[in-house]
C-alpha atoms as a PDB file:
ATOM      1  CA  MET A   1     -21.421  18.618  20.887  1.00  0.00           C
ATOM      2  CA  GLY A   2     -21.222  15.244  19.485  1.00  0.00           C
ATOM      3  CA  ILE A   3     -19.162  12.096  19.110  1.00  0.00           C
ATOM      4  CA  PRO A   4     -16.259  12.082  16.360  1.00  0.00           C
ATOM      5  CA  PHE A   5     -16.348   9.454  13.854  1.00  0.00           C
ATOM      6  CA  ASP A   6     -14.866   8.543  10.611  1.00  0.00           C
ATOM      7  CA  VAL A   7     -16.699   7.477   7.304  1.00  0.00           C
ATOM      8  CA  ILE A   8     -14.850   4.892   5.323  1.00  0.00           C
ATOM      9  CA  PHE A   9     -15.443   4.456   1.313  1.00  0.00           C
ATOM     10  CA  ASN A  10     -14.238   0.912   0.459  1.00  0.00           C
ATOM     11  CA  LYS A  11     -13.792  -0.916  -2.791  1.00  0.00           C
ATOM     12  CA  ILE A  12     -13.172   2.694  -4.531  1.00  0.00           C
ATOM     13  CA  ASP A  13     -11.525   0.711  -7.485  1.00  0.00           C
ATOM     14  CA  LYS A  14     -14.947  -0.432  -8.352  1.00  0.00           C
ATOM     15  CA  VAL A  15     -16.085   2.934  -9.539  1.00  0.00           C
ATOM     16  CA  ASN A  16     -15.102   3.974 -12.893  1.00  0.00           C
ATOM     17  CA  ASP A  17     -11.862   5.741 -12.810  1.00  0.00           C
ATOM     18  CA  LYS A  18     -13.261   9.062 -14.618  1.00  0.00           C
ATOM     19  CA  GLN A  19     -16.128   9.252 -12.395  1.00  0.00           C
ATOM     20  CA  ARG A  20     -14.751   8.191  -9.090  1.00  0.00           C
ATOM     21  CA  VAL A  21     -14.070  11.994  -7.715  1.00  0.00           C
ATOM     22  CA  HIS A  22     -17.368  13.197  -8.839  1.00  0.00           C
ATOM     23  CA  HIS A  23     -19.105  10.046  -7.721  1.00  0.00           C
ATOM     24  CA  LEU A  24     -17.781  10.103  -4.195  1.00  0.00           C
ATOM     25  CA  GLU A  25     -18.327  13.948  -3.724  1.00  0.00           C
ATOM     26  CA  LYS A  26     -21.868  13.356  -4.990  1.00  0.00           C
ATOM     27  CA  VAL A  27     -22.434  10.591  -2.326  1.00  0.00           C
ATOM     28  CA  ILE A  28     -21.240  12.787   0.493  1.00  0.00           C
ATOM     29  CA  LYS A  29     -23.128  15.787  -0.773  1.00  0.00           C
ATOM     30  CA  ASN A  30     -26.484  14.121  -1.047  1.00  0.00           C
ATOM     31  CA  SER A  31     -26.309  12.144   2.484  1.00  0.00           C
ATOM     32  CA  VAL A  32     -26.920  13.547   5.853  1.00  0.00           C
ATOM     33  CA  LEU A  33     -23.232  14.019   6.551  1.00  0.00           C
ATOM     34  CA  GLY A  34     -23.192  17.542   5.092  1.00  0.00           C
ATOM     35  CA  THR A  35     -25.628  18.722   7.794  1.00  0.00           C
ATOM     36  CA  LEU A  36     -23.898  17.265  10.931  1.00  0.00           C
ATOM     37  CA  LYS A  37     -22.476  19.319  13.407  1.00  0.00           C
ATOM     38  CA  ILE A  38     -19.168  17.155  13.708  1.00  0.00           C
ATOM     39  CA  GLN A  39     -17.978  16.491  10.235  1.00  0.00           C
ATOM     40  CA  PRO A  40     -16.226  12.939   9.918  1.00  0.00           C
ATOM     41  CA  ARG A  41     -13.012  12.079   8.572  1.00  0.00           C
ATOM     42  CA  TYR A  42     -13.281  10.495   5.213  1.00  0.00           C
ATOM     43  CA  TYR A  43     -11.157   7.604   4.133  1.00  0.00           C
ATOM     44  CA  PHE A  44     -11.219   6.129   0.454  1.00  0.00           C
ATOM     45  CA  VAL A  45      -9.866   2.308   0.467  1.00  0.00           C
ATOM     46  CA  ASN A  46      -8.536   0.169  -2.140  1.00  0.00           C
ATOM     47  CA  SER A  47      -7.273  -3.166  -1.480  1.00  0.00           C
ATOM     48  CA  VAL A  48      -6.605  -4.279  -4.680  1.00  0.00           C
ATOM     49  CA  ASP A  49      -3.512  -3.328  -6.772  1.00  0.00           C
ATOM     50  CA  ASP A  50      -5.133  -3.110 -10.157  1.00  0.00           C
ATOM     51  CA  PRO A  51      -3.743  -0.660 -12.664  1.00  0.00           C
ATOM     52  CA  LYS A  52      -6.870  -0.985 -14.970  1.00  0.00           C
ATOM     53  CA  SER A  53      -8.749   0.781 -12.073  1.00  0.00           C
ATOM     54  CA  GLY A  54      -6.774   3.590 -12.340  1.00  0.00           C
ATOM     55  CA  LEU A  55      -5.129   2.988  -8.814  1.00  0.00           C
ATOM     56  CA  SER A  56      -1.902   1.264  -9.202  1.00  0.00           C
ATOM     57  CA  GLN A  57      -1.514   0.404  -5.567  1.00  0.00           C
ATOM     58  CA  ARG A  58      -3.537  -0.340  -2.094  1.00  0.00           C
ATOM     59  CA  THR A  59      -4.704   2.887  -0.305  1.00  0.00           C
ATOM     60  CA  GLY A  60      -6.289   4.099   2.628  1.00  0.00           C
ATOM     61  CA  ILE A  61      -5.565   1.139   4.810  1.00  0.00           C
ATOM     62  CA  ASN A  62      -2.342   2.618   6.624  1.00  0.00           C
ATOM     63  CA  GLU A  63      -4.581   5.703   7.226  1.00  0.00           C
ATOM     64  CA  ILE A  64      -7.436   4.151   8.944  1.00  0.00           C
ATOM     65  CA  ARG A  65      -4.858   2.001  11.322  1.00  0.00           C
ATOM     66  CA  LEU A  66      -3.216   5.414  12.178  1.00  0.00           C
ATOM     67  CA  SER A  67      -6.768   7.080  12.796  1.00  0.00           C
ATOM     68  CA  ILE A  68      -7.792   3.878  15.225  1.00  0.00           C
ATOM     69  CA  LEU A  69      -4.408   4.194  16.726  1.00  0.00           C
ATOM     70  CA  GLU A  70      -4.604   8.010  17.395  1.00  0.00           C
ATOM     71  CA  SER A  71      -8.247   7.764  18.649  1.00  0.00           C
ATOM     72  CA  SER A  72      -7.070   5.086  21.204  1.00  0.00           C
ATOM     73  CA  GLY A  73      -4.597   7.957  22.655  1.00  0.00           C
ATOM     74  CA  LEU A  74      -1.397   5.952  21.459  1.00  0.00           C
ATOM     75  CA  GLU A  75       1.622   7.880  20.096  1.00  0.00           C
ATOM     76  CA  VAL A  76       2.485   6.958  16.523  1.00  0.00           C
ATOM     77  CA  LYS A  77       5.651   7.499  14.767  1.00  0.00           C
ATOM     78  CA  SER A  78       5.079   6.053  11.314  1.00  0.00           C
ATOM     79  CA  ILE A  79       2.027   4.259   9.701  1.00  0.00           C
ATOM     80  CA  LYS A  80       4.443   1.924   7.629  1.00  0.00           C
ATOM     81  CA  PRO A  81       3.361  -1.479   8.670  1.00  0.00           C
ATOM     82  CA  LYS A  82       6.318  -3.716   9.815  1.00  0.00           C
ATOM     83  CA  LEU A  83       7.208  -6.926   7.864  1.00  0.00           C
ATOM     84  CA  ARG A  84       6.157 -10.142   9.505  1.00  0.00           C
ATOM     85  CA  LYS A  85       9.103 -12.113  10.493  1.00  0.00           C
ATOM     86  CA  LYS A  86       8.178 -14.997   7.863  1.00  0.00           C
ATOM     87  CA  LYS A  87       8.132 -12.124   5.245  1.00  0.00           C
ATOM     88  CA  GLU A  88      11.455 -10.795   6.257  1.00  0.00           C
ATOM     89  CA  ASN A  89      13.057 -14.476   6.294  1.00  0.00           C
ATOM     90  CA  GLN A  90      11.523 -14.957   2.610  1.00  0.00           C
ATOM     91  CA  ILE A  91      13.098 -11.565   1.554  1.00  0.00           C
ATOM     92  CA  GLU A  92      16.357 -12.506   3.144  1.00  0.00           C
ATOM     93  CA  GLU A  93      16.496 -15.932   1.391  1.00  0.00           C
ATOM     94  CA  ARG A  94      15.555 -14.227  -2.040  1.00  0.00           C
ATOM     95  CA  ILE A  95      18.431 -12.073  -1.349  1.00  0.00           C
ATOM     96  CA  LYS A  96      20.749 -14.838  -0.621  1.00  0.00           C
ATOM     97  CA  ARG A  97      19.795 -16.832  -3.792  1.00  0.00           C
ATOM     98  CA  LYS A  98      20.347 -13.887  -6.012  1.00  0.00           C
ATOM     99  CA  ASN A  99      23.888 -13.198  -4.415  1.00  0.00           C
ATOM    100  CA  VAL A 100      24.722 -16.851  -5.188  1.00  0.00           C
ATOM    101  CA  LEU A 101      23.449 -16.786  -8.393  1.00  0.00           C
ATOM    102  CA  ASP A 102      25.342 -13.556  -9.245  1.00  0.00           C
ATOM    103  CA  SER A 103      28.526 -15.104  -7.846  1.00  0.00           C
ATOM    104  CA  ILE A 104      28.165 -18.203 -10.113  1.00  0.00           C
ATOM    105  CA  LYS A 105      27.487 -16.193 -13.203  1.00  0.00           C
ATOM    106  CA  LYS A 106      30.700 -14.007 -12.363  1.00  0.00           C
ATOM    107  CA  THR A 107      32.767 -17.143 -11.924  1.00  0.00           C
ATOM    108  CA  LYS A 108      31.593 -18.589 -15.165  1.00  0.00           C
ATOM    109  CA  GLN A 109      32.272 -15.561 -16.807  1.00  0.00           C
ATOM    110  CA  LYS A 110      35.934 -15.193 -15.559  1.00  0.00           C
ATOM    111  CA  GLN A 111      36.236 -18.892 -16.455  1.00  0.00           C
ATOM    112  CA  LYS A 112      35.338 -18.108 -20.002  1.00  0.00           C
ATOM    113  CA  GLN A 113      37.349 -15.449 -20.243  1.00  0.00           C
ATOM    114  CA  LYS A 114      40.510 -17.078 -19.395  1.00  0.00           C
ATOM    115  CA  GLU A 115      39.750 -19.944 -21.865  1.00  0.00           C
ATOM    116  CA  ASP A 116      39.087 -17.142 -24.504  1.00  0.00           C
ATOM    117  CA  ALA A 117      42.717 -15.530 -23.372  1.00  0.00           C
ATOM    118  CA  LYS A 118      44.249 -18.918 -23.983  1.00  0.00           C
ATOM    119  CA  HIS A 119      42.947 -19.481 -27.640  1.00  0.00           C
END
């Protein structure tokens, strides 16, 4: 038997993009992990959004959260994190400002059209 566990490779954006998969496969192959009776789940985490690294978005964080919840016996419907209230409010404010600016722009355009029609 044995105790299930996970292995997390973090900062994968630091490994050269062209060598990333080969390097990680080599690390796993050359470790004791391949000889264990119970094989772990592997997670590859990148917490930085850096197109230069070949990774255009953060990866792995939500999957780790899901694994923790599942291991705790909790039912999980989605791994998408909820927005914090403050962030929700900021988004709403941005939308309101954009709507106001759009409204002002349309009003100015209508006024200009009326002035142009008079001349």
